[in-house]
PDB file of N, CA and C in Angstrom:
ATOM      1  N   MET A   1       0.837  -1.171   0.000  1.00  0.00           N
ATOM      2  CA  MET A   1       0.000   0.000   0.000  1.00  0.00           C
ATOM      3  C   MET A   1       0.890   1.245   0.000  1.00  0.00           C
ATOM      4  N   ASP A   2       0.577   2.149  -0.854  1.00  0.00           N
ATOM      5  CA  ASP A   2       1.327   3.386  -0.985  1.00  0.00           C
ATOM      6  C   ASP A   2       1.207   4.214   0.297  1.00  0.00           C
ATOM      7  N   ALA A   3       2.242   4.975   0.621  1.00  0.00           N
ATOM      8  CA  ALA A   3       2.250   5.763   1.853  1.00  0.00           C
ATOM      9  C   ALA A   3       1.159   6.835   1.830  1.00  0.00           C
ATOM     10  N   LEU A   4       0.952   7.470   0.674  1.00  0.00           N
ATOM     11  CA  LEU A   4      -0.079   8.500   0.556  1.00  0.00           C
ATOM     12  C   LEU A   4      -1.465   7.904   0.747  1.00  0.00           C
ATOM     13  N   THR A   5      -1.696   6.738   0.179  1.00  0.00           N
ATOM     14  CA  THR A   5      -2.977   6.057   0.338  1.00  0.00           C
ATOM     15  C   THR A   5      -3.214   5.677   1.795  1.00  0.00           C
ATOM     16  N   LEU A   6      -2.169   5.251   2.463  1.00  0.00           N
ATOM     17  CA  LEU A   6      -2.283   4.887   3.873  1.00  0.00           C
ATOM     18  C   LEU A   6      -2.633   6.107   4.726  1.00  0.00           C
ATOM     19  N   VAL A   7      -1.982   7.222   4.478  1.00  0.00           N
ATOM     20  CA  VAL A   7      -2.249   8.449   5.245  1.00  0.00           C
ATOM     21  C   VAL A   7      -3.676   8.926   5.007  1.00  0.00           C
ATOM     22  N   ILE A   8      -4.122   8.915   3.764  1.00  0.00           N
ATOM     23  CA  ILE A   8      -5.478   9.368   3.451  1.00  0.00           C
ATOM     24  C   ILE A   8      -6.512   8.408   4.041  1.00  0.00           C
ATOM     25  N   THR A   9      -6.221   7.124   4.042  1.00  0.00           N
ATOM     26  CA  THR A   9      -7.130   6.148   4.648  1.00  0.00           C
ATOM     27  C   THR A   9      -7.263   6.375   6.145  1.00  0.00           C
ATOM     28  N   ILE A  10      -6.157   6.671   6.811  1.00  0.00           N
ATOM     29  CA  ILE A  10      -6.191   6.959   8.248  1.00  0.00           C
ATOM     30  C   ILE A  10      -6.976   8.236   8.515  1.00  0.00           C
ATOM     31  N   LEU A  11      -6.775   9.269   7.688  1.00  0.00           N
ATOM     32  CA  LEU A  11      -7.539  10.502   7.838  1.00  0.00           C
ATOM     33  C   LEU A  11      -9.027  10.270   7.620  1.00  0.00           C
ATOM     34  N   GLN A  12      -9.347   9.424   6.646  1.00  0.00           N
ATOM     35  CA  GLN A  12     -10.747   9.115   6.378  1.00  0.00           C
ATOM     36  C   GLN A  12     -11.367   8.357   7.557  1.00  0.00           C
ATOM     37  N   LEU A  13     -10.633   7.450   8.134  1.00  0.00           N
ATOM     38  CA  LEU A  13     -11.110   6.725   9.308  1.00  0.00           C
ATOM     39  C   LEU A  13     -11.383   7.674  10.466  1.00  0.00           C
ATOM     40  N   LEU A  14     -10.469   8.618  10.697  1.00  0.00           N
ATOM     41  CA  LEU A  14     -10.657   9.589  11.770  1.00  0.00           C
ATOM     42  C   LEU A  14     -11.849  10.505  11.499  1.00  0.00           C
ATOM     43  N   CYS A  15     -12.039  10.902  10.250  1.00  0.00           N
ATOM     44  CA  CYS A  15     -13.200  11.728   9.890  1.00  0.00           C
ATOM     45  C   CYS A  15     -14.495  10.955  10.086  1.00  0.00           C
ATOM     46  N   GLY A  16     -14.495   9.690   9.733  1.00  0.00           N
ATOM     47  CA  GLY A  16     -15.682   8.868   9.929  1.00  0.00           C
ATOM     48  C   GLY A  16     -16.042   8.730  11.395  1.00  0.00           C
ATOM     49  N   LEU A  17     -15.039   8.515  12.225  1.00  0.00           N
ATOM     50  CA  LEU A  17     -15.282   8.441  13.664  1.00  0.00           C
ATOM     51  C   LEU A  17     -15.760   9.783  14.219  1.00  0.00           C
ATOM     52  N   ALA A  18     -15.205  10.870  13.695  1.00  0.00           N
ATOM     53  CA  ALA A  18     -15.632  12.201  14.146  1.00  0.00           C
ATOM     54  C   ALA A  18     -17.084  12.467  13.779  1.00  0.00           C
ATOM     55  N   VAL A  19     -17.501  12.057  12.584  1.00  0.00           N
ATOM     56  CA  VAL A  19     -18.897  12.238  12.179  1.00  0.00           C
ATOM     57  C   VAL A  19     -19.816  11.443  13.102  1.00  0.00           C
ATOM     58  N   ILE A  20     -19.438  10.234  13.426  1.00  0.00           N
ATOM     59  CA  ILE A  20     -20.254   9.407  14.322  1.00  0.00           C
ATOM     60  C   ILE A  20     -20.389  10.071  15.686  1.00  0.00           C
ATOM     61  N   VAL A  21     -19.286  10.551  16.240  1.00  0.00           N
ATOM     62  CA  VAL A  21     -19.316  11.170  17.563  1.00  0.00           C
ATOM     63  C   VAL A  21     -20.135  12.464  17.543  1.00  0.00           C
ATOM     64  N   ILE A  22     -19.958  13.274  16.508  1.00  0.00           N
ATOM     65  CA  ILE A  22     -20.687  14.539  16.424  1.00  0.00           C
ATOM     66  C   ILE A  22     -22.188  14.287  16.308  1.00  0.00           C
ATOM     67  N   VAL A  23     -22.583  13.314  15.502  1.00  0.00           N
ATOM     68  CA  VAL A  23     -24.009  13.017  15.340  1.00  0.00           C
ATOM     69  C   VAL A  23     -24.597  12.471  16.634  1.00  0.00           C
ATOM     70  N   LEU A  24     -23.843  11.667  17.356  1.00  0.00           N
ATOM     71  CA  LEU A  24     -24.351  11.139  18.617  1.00  0.00           C
ATOM     72  C   LEU A  24     -24.505  12.228  19.677  1.00  0.00           C
ATOM     73  N   PHE A  25     -23.718  13.281  19.624  1.00  0.00           N
ATOM     74  CA  PHE A  25     -23.833  14.362  20.592  1.00  0.00           C
ATOM     75  C   PHE A  25     -24.997  15.299  20.303  1.00  0.00           C
ATOM     76  N   GLN A  26     -25.541  15.266  19.078  1.00  0.00           N
ATOM     77  CA  GLN A  26     -26.645  16.161  18.736  1.00  0.00           C
ATOM     78  C   GLN A  26     -27.936  15.687  19.389  1.00  0.00           C
ATOM     79  N   SER A  27     -28.783  16.666  19.732  1.00  0.00           N
ATOM     80  CA  SER A  27     -30.086  16.313  20.297  1.00  0.00           C
ATOM     81  C   SER A  27     -31.068  16.062  19.161  1.00  0.00           C
ATOM     82  N   GLY A  28     -32.164  15.390  19.478  1.00  0.00           N
ATOM     83  CA  GLY A  28     -33.181  15.097  18.481  1.00  0.00           C
ATOM     84  C   GLY A  28     -33.847  16.364  17.986  1.00  0.00           C
ATOM     85  N   LYS A  29     -34.203  16.378  16.727  1.00  0.00           N
ATOM     86  CA  LYS A  29     -34.809  17.582  16.148  1.00  0.00           C
ATOM     87  C   LYS A  29     -36.311  17.638  16.387  1.00  0.00           C
ATOM     88  N   SER A  30     -36.973  16.503  16.544  1.00  0.00           N
ATOM     89  CA  SER A  30     -38.416  16.520  16.763  1.00  0.00           C
ATOM     90  C   SER A  30     -38.732  15.716  18.013  1.00  0.00           C
ATOM     91  N   ALA A  31     -39.691  16.213  18.745  1.00  0.00           N
ATOM     92  CA  ALA A  31     -40.103  15.529  19.968  1.00  0.00           C
ATOM     93  C   ALA A  31     -41.576  15.145  19.853  1.00  0.00           C
ATOM     94  N   GLY A  32     -41.959  14.546  18.750  1.00  0.00           N
ATOM     95  CA  GLY A  32     -43.340  14.139  18.548  1.00  0.00           C
ATOM     96  C   GLY A  32     -44.229  15.333  18.265  1.00  0.00           C
ATOM     97  N   LEU A  33     -45.444  15.297  18.809  1.00  0.00           N
ATOM     98  CA  LEU A  33     -46.411  16.355  18.568  1.00  0.00           C
ATOM     99  C   LEU A  33     -45.993  17.659  19.241  1.00  0.00           C
ATOM    100  N   SER A  34     -45.394  17.568  20.405  1.00  0.00           N
ATOM    101  CA  SER A  34     -44.954  18.788  21.081  1.00  0.00           C
ATOM    102  C   SER A  34     -43.832  19.477  20.309  1.00  0.00           C
ATOM    103  N   GLY A  35     -43.026  18.704  19.595  1.00  0.00           N
ATOM    104  CA  GLY A  35     -41.984  19.300  18.765  1.00  0.00           C
ATOM    105  C   GLY A  35     -42.565  20.026  17.569  1.00  0.00           C
ATOM    106  N   ALA A  36     -43.661  19.501  17.024  1.00  0.00           N
ATOM    107  CA  ALA A  36     -44.299  20.152  15.876  1.00  0.00           C
ATOM    108  C   ALA A  36     -44.967  21.451  16.290  1.00  0.00           C
ATOM    109  N   ILE A  37     -45.588  21.474  17.472  1.00  0.00           N
ATOM    110  CA  ILE A  37     -46.248  22.691  17.956  1.00  0.00           C
ATOM    111  C   ILE A  37     -45.209  23.710  18.410  1.00  0.00           C
ATOM    112  N   GLY A  38     -44.214  23.265  19.130  1.00  0.00           N
ATOM    113  CA  GLY A  38     -43.192  24.173  19.635  1.00  0.00           C
ATOM    114  C   GLY A  38     -42.214  24.639  18.576  1.00  0.00           C
ATOM    115  N   GLY A  39     -42.202  23.991  17.429  1.00  0.00           N
ATOM    116  CA  GLY A  39     -41.268  24.361  16.377  1.00  0.00           C
ATOM    117  C   GLY A  39     -41.507  25.752  15.843  1.00  0.00           C
ATOM    118  N   VAL A  40     -42.773  26.193  15.814  1.00  0.00           N
ATOM    119  CA  VAL A  40     -43.087  27.535  15.325  1.00  0.00           C
ATOM    120  C   VAL A  40     -42.532  28.576  16.277  1.00  0.00           C
ATOM    121  N   ALA A  41     -42.734  28.373  17.551  1.00  0.00           N
ATOM    122  CA  ALA A  41     -42.215  29.314  18.539  1.00  0.00           C
ATOM    123  C   ALA A  41     -40.693  29.288  18.561  1.00  0.00           C
ATOM    124  N   ASP A  42     -40.133  28.101  18.346  1.00  0.00           N
ATOM    125  CA  ASP A  42     -38.673  27.988  18.315  1.00  0.00           C
ATOM    126  C   ASP A  42     -38.071  28.822  17.202  1.00  0.00           C
ATOM    127  N   SER A  43     -38.636  28.732  16.005  1.00  0.00           N
ATOM    128  CA  SER A  43     -38.060  29.456  14.879  1.00  0.00           C
ATOM    129  C   SER A  43     -38.281  30.957  15.011  1.00  0.00           C
ATOM    130  N   PHE A  44     -39.361  31.352  15.699  1.00  0.00           N
ATOM    131  CA  PHE A  44     -39.642  32.774  15.849  1.00  0.00           C
ATOM    132  C   PHE A  44     -38.787  33.408  16.943  1.00  0.00           C
ATOM    133  N   LEU A  45     -38.587  32.688  18.016  1.00  0.00           N
ATOM    134  CA  LEU A  45     -37.912  33.272  19.174  1.00  0.00           C
ATOM    135  C   LEU A  45     -36.418  32.984  19.245  1.00  0.00           C
ATOM    136  N   SER A  46     -35.891  32.209  18.333  1.00  0.00           N
ATOM    137  CA  SER A  46     -34.482  31.820  18.444  1.00  0.00           C
ATOM    138  C   SER A  46     -33.608  32.695  17.547  1.00  0.00           C
ATOM    139  N   ARG A  47     -33.312  33.861  18.026  1.00  0.00           N
ATOM    140  CA  ARG A  47     -32.412  34.749  17.270  1.00  0.00           C
ATOM    141  C   ARG A  47     -30.967  34.306  17.395  1.00  0.00           C
ATOM    142  N   ASN A  48     -30.600  33.784  18.545  1.00  0.00           N
ATOM    143  CA  ASN A  48     -29.212  33.390  18.802  1.00  0.00           C
ATOM    144  C   ASN A  48     -29.001  31.903  18.550  1.00  0.00           C
ATOM    145  N   LYS A  49     -29.734  31.354  17.595  1.00  0.00           N
ATOM    146  CA  LYS A  49     -29.636  29.921  17.332  1.00  0.00           C
ATOM    147  C   LYS A  49     -28.252  29.528  16.822  1.00  0.00           C
ATOM    148  N   ALA A  50     -27.591  30.433  16.119  1.00  0.00           N
ATOM    149  CA  ALA A  50     -26.275  30.116  15.565  1.00  0.00           C
ATOM    150  C   ALA A  50     -25.216  29.961  16.656  1.00  0.00           C
ATOM    151  N   LYS A  51     -25.509  30.431  17.856  1.00  0.00           N
ATOM    152  CA  LYS A  51     -24.528  30.355  18.935  1.00  0.00           C
ATOM    153  C   LYS A  51     -24.731  29.140  19.831  1.00  0.00           C
ATOM    154  N   THR A  52     -25.798  28.380  19.616  1.00  0.00           N
ATOM    155  CA  THR A  52     -26.063  27.239  20.471  1.00  0.00           C
ATOM    156  C   THR A  52     -25.145  26.069  20.122  1.00  0.00           C
ATOM    157  N   LEU A  53     -25.073  25.147  21.051  1.00  0.00           N
ATOM    158  CA  LEU A  53     -24.222  23.971  20.847  1.00  0.00           C
ATOM    159  C   LEU A  53     -24.747  23.112  19.703  1.00  0.00           C
ATOM    160  N   ASP A  54     -26.070  22.987  19.590  1.00  0.00           N
ATOM    161  CA  ASP A  54     -26.631  22.180  18.504  1.00  0.00           C
ATOM    162  C   ASP A  54     -26.303  22.769  17.140  1.00  0.00           C
ATOM    163  N   ALA A  55     -26.316  24.088  17.037  1.00  0.00           N
ATOM    164  CA  ALA A  55     -25.982  24.717  15.750  1.00  0.00           C
ATOM    165  C   ALA A  55     -24.512  24.498  15.409  1.00  0.00           C
ATOM    166  N   LYS A  56     -23.661  24.573  16.412  1.00  0.00           N
ATOM    167  CA  LYS A  56     -22.232  24.331  16.175  1.00  0.00           C
ATOM    168  C   LYS A  56     -21.982  22.873  15.777  1.00  0.00           C
ATOM    169  N   LEU A  57     -22.702  21.961  16.417  1.00  0.00           N
ATOM    170  CA  LEU A  57     -22.548  20.549  16.064  1.00  0.00           C
ATOM    171  C   LEU A  57     -23.075  20.274  14.661  1.00  0.00           C
ATOM    172  N   ALA A  58     -24.169  20.935  14.280  1.00  0.00           N
ATOM    173  CA  ALA A  58     -24.704  20.746  12.932  1.00  0.00           C
ATOM    174  C   ALA A  58     -23.727  21.274  11.888  1.00  0.00           C
ATOM    175  N   ARG A  59     -23.116  22.414  12.175  1.00  0.00           N
ATOM    176  CA  ARG A  59     -22.124  22.976  11.250  1.00  0.00           C
ATOM    177  C   ARG A  59     -20.897  22.072  11.165  1.00  0.00           C
ATOM    178  N   ALA A  60     -20.476  21.526  12.299  1.00  0.00           N
ATOM    179  CA  ALA A  60     -19.322  20.622  12.306  1.00  0.00           C
ATOM    180  C   ALA A  60     -19.630  19.344  11.536  1.00  0.00           C
ATOM    181  N   THR A  61     -20.872  18.865  11.636  1.00  0.00           N
ATOM    182  CA  THR A  61     -21.260  17.672  10.886  1.00  0.00           C
ATOM    183  C   THR A  61     -21.145  17.912   9.388  1.00  0.00           C
ATOM    184  N   LYS A  62     -21.578  19.073   8.935  1.00  0.00           N
ATOM    185  CA  LYS A  62     -21.496  19.394   7.507  1.00  0.00           C
ATOM    186  C   LYS A  62     -20.046  19.446   7.035  1.00  0.00           C
ATOM    187  N   TRP A  63     -19.191  20.116   7.802  1.00  0.00           N
ATOM    188  CA  TRP A  63     -17.794  20.265   7.382  1.00  0.00           C
ATOM    189  C   TRP A  63     -17.040  18.944   7.418  1.00  0.00           C
ATOM    190  N   VAL A  64     -17.193  18.195   8.503  1.00  0.00           N
ATOM    191  CA  VAL A  64     -16.471  16.917   8.609  1.00  0.00           C
ATOM    192  C   VAL A  64     -17.015  15.929   7.583  1.00  0.00           C
ATOM    193  N   GLY A  65     -18.316  15.971   7.326  1.00  0.00           N
ATOM    194  CA  GLY A  65     -18.890  15.116   6.284  1.00  0.00           C
ATOM    195  C   GLY A  65     -18.369  15.464   4.901  1.00  0.00           C
ATOM    196  N   ALA A  66     -18.206  16.756   4.639  1.00  0.00           N
ATOM    197  CA  ALA A  66     -17.655  17.178   3.346  1.00  0.00           C
ATOM    198  C   ALA A  66     -16.201  16.728   3.199  1.00  0.00           C
ATOM    199  N   ILE A  67     -15.433  16.839   4.268  1.00  0.00           N
ATOM    200  CA  ILE A  67     -14.036  16.381   4.239  1.00  0.00           C
ATOM    201  C   ILE A  67     -13.983  14.872   4.018  1.00  0.00           C
ATOM    202  N   PHE A  68     -14.899  14.136   4.671  1.00  0.00           N
ATOM    203  CA  PHE A  68     -14.966  12.692   4.482  1.00  0.00           C
ATOM    204  C   PHE A  68     -15.272  12.351   3.027  1.00  0.00           C
ATOM    205  N   LEU A  69     -16.193  13.069   2.431  1.00  0.00           N
ATOM    206  CA  LEU A  69     -16.547  12.841   1.031  1.00  0.00           C
ATOM    207  C   LEU A  69     -15.370  13.128   0.106  1.00  0.00           C
ATOM    208  N   ILE A  70     -14.663  14.218   0.352  1.00  0.00           N
ATOM    209  CA  ILE A  70     -13.500  14.569  -0.472  1.00  0.00           C
ATOM    210  C   ILE A  70     -12.405  13.517  -0.343  1.00  0.00           C
ATOM    211  N   LEU A  71     -12.161  13.060   0.887  1.00  0.00           N
ATOM    212  CA  LEU A  71     -11.147  12.020   1.078  1.00  0.00           C
ATOM    213  C   LEU A  71     -11.543  10.720   0.376  1.00  0.00           C
ATOM    214  N   THR A  72     -12.841  10.406   0.385  1.00  0.00           N
ATOM    215  CA  THR A  72     -13.306   9.220  -0.316  1.00  0.00           C
ATOM    216  C   THR A  72     -13.061   9.331  -1.819  1.00  0.00           C
ATOM    217  N   LEU A  73     -13.343  10.494  -2.379  1.00  0.00           N
ATOM    218  CA  LEU A  73     -13.110  10.697  -3.812  1.00  0.00           C
ATOM    219  C   LEU A  73     -11.626  10.647  -4.155  1.00  0.00           C
ATOM    220  N   VAL A  74     -10.791  11.210  -3.284  1.00  0.00           N
ATOM    221  CA  VAL A  74      -9.343  11.159  -3.517  1.00  0.00           C
ATOM    222  C   VAL A  74      -8.843   9.708  -3.475  1.00  0.00           C
ATOM    223  N   LEU A  75      -9.354   8.931  -2.525  1.00  0.00           N
ATOM    224  CA  LEU A  75      -8.962   7.519  -2.466  1.00  0.00           C
ATOM    225  C   LEU A  75      -9.429   6.756  -3.709  1.00  0.00           C
ATOM    226  N   LEU A  76     -10.603   7.097  -4.204  1.00  0.00           N
ATOM    227  CA  LEU A  76     -11.105   6.458  -5.414  1.00  0.00           C
ATOM    228  C   LEU A  76     -10.207   6.770  -6.609  1.00  0.00           C
ATOM    229  N   ILE A  77      -9.766   8.012  -6.701  1.00  0.00           N
ATOM    230  CA  ILE A  77      -8.869   8.401  -7.810  1.00  0.00           C
ATOM    231  C   ILE A  77      -7.518   7.710  -7.677  1.00  0.00           C
ATOM    232  N   LEU A  78      -7.001   7.630  -6.446  1.00  0.00           N
ATOM    233  CA  LEU A  78      -5.699   6.995  -6.243  1.00  0.00           C
ATOM    234  C   LEU A  78      -5.756   5.489  -6.513  1.00  0.00           C
ATOM    235  N   GLN A  79      -6.867   4.857  -6.214  1.00  0.00           N
ATOM    236  CA  GLN A  79      -6.993   3.417  -6.449  1.00  0.00           C
ATOM    237  C   GLN A  79      -7.211   3.094  -7.919  1.00  0.00           C
ATOM    238  N   GLY A  80      -7.842   4.058  -8.651  1.00  0.00           N
ATOM    239  CA  GLY A  80      -8.202   3.805 -10.050  1.00  0.00           C
ATOM    240  C   GLY A  80      -7.011   3.850 -10.926  1.00  0.00           C
TER     241      GLY A  80
END
């Protein structure tokens, strides 16, 4: 196995584990019927939503997932 392929594979493994951990730390988005009713008030009253922990975790999920996808494509090109 090429050294570059090995390094990228290890990085991909770490990104995959990071995505799993980040998703497990996020809270549920819906809480049944009360979540559907409270969702309107949540969106209206949450001006500082970008500063909450859930928003930061959601943003981290997007970035780490994108990095995971890029590493997967790079590995596909290197293997091909």
